């Protein structure tokens, strides 16, 4: 039950194409990729700062 069939993914792809349109899909994916990159950069910046000492 944890696995999805090929038919399921085809229906999902069809719905995504209907909602966003084939021309807008690359733009949406580019925006998503930039968001993920900035999220990772934010996490990396937090890891570089030393933790504050507790008194």
Protein backbone atom coordinates (compact mmCIF):
# COMPACT_ATOMS: atom_id res chain seq x y z
CA UNK A 1 0.00 0.00 0.00
CA UNK A 2 3.00 2.35 0.41
CA UNK A 3 3.86 2.17 -3.29
CA UNK A 4 2.03 4.02 -6.03
CA UNK A 5 1.36 2.49 -9.42
CA UNK A 6 2.39 3.91 -12.77
CA UNK A 7 -1.22 4.83 -13.49
CA UNK A 8 -1.35 6.90 -10.30
CA UNK A 9 1.71 8.94 -11.35
CA UNK A 10 0.27 9.48 -14.83
CA UNK A 11 -2.94 10.90 -13.32
CA UNK A 12 -0.93 13.15 -10.99
CA UNK A 13 1.15 14.42 -13.92
CA UNK A 14 -1.99 15.11 -15.94
CA UNK A 15 -3.52 17.07 -13.06
CA UNK A 16 -0.35 19.13 -12.61
CA UNK A 17 -0.26 19.93 -16.32
CA UNK A 18 -3.91 20.95 -16.25
CA UNK A 19 -3.44 23.19 -13.21
CA UNK A 20 -0.23 24.94 -14.21
CA UNK A 21 -0.10 24.51 -17.97
CA UNK A 22 2.86 23.06 -19.85
CA UNK A 23 4.44 26.48 -20.46
CA UNK A 24 4.41 27.58 -16.84
CA UNK A 25 5.71 24.32 -15.38
CA UNK A 26 9.44 25.06 -15.96
CA UNK A 27 9.03 28.43 -14.25
CA UNK A 28 7.34 26.82 -11.25
CA UNK A 29 10.08 24.20 -10.99
CA UNK A 30 12.79 26.88 -11.22
CA UNK A 31 11.15 28.83 -8.40
CA UNK A 32 10.93 25.67 -6.32
CA UNK A 33 14.62 24.91 -6.90
CA UNK A 34 15.63 28.43 -5.86
CA UNK A 35 13.54 28.10 -2.72
CA UNK A 36 15.22 24.82 -1.79
CA UNK A 37 18.67 26.32 -2.41
CA UNK A 38 17.96 29.34 -0.23
CA UNK A 39 16.54 27.08 2.49
CA UNK A 40 19.72 24.97 2.46
CA UNK A 41 21.86 28.12 2.54
CA UNK A 42 19.89 29.34 5.56
CA UNK A 43 20.47 26.06 7.36
CA UNK A 44 24.16 26.17 6.52
CA UNK A 45 24.49 29.71 7.88
CA UNK A 46 22.90 28.63 11.15
CA UNK A 47 25.32 25.70 11.47
CA UNK A 48 28.36 27.96 10.98
CA UNK A 49 27.55 30.23 13.94
CA UNK A 50 28.79 28.91 17.27
CA UNK A 51 26.10 28.11 19.83
CA UNK A 52 25.55 30.65 22.59
CA UNK A 53 26.96 29.70 25.98
CA UNK A 54 24.44 29.06 28.70
CA UNK A 55 25.11 30.80 32.02
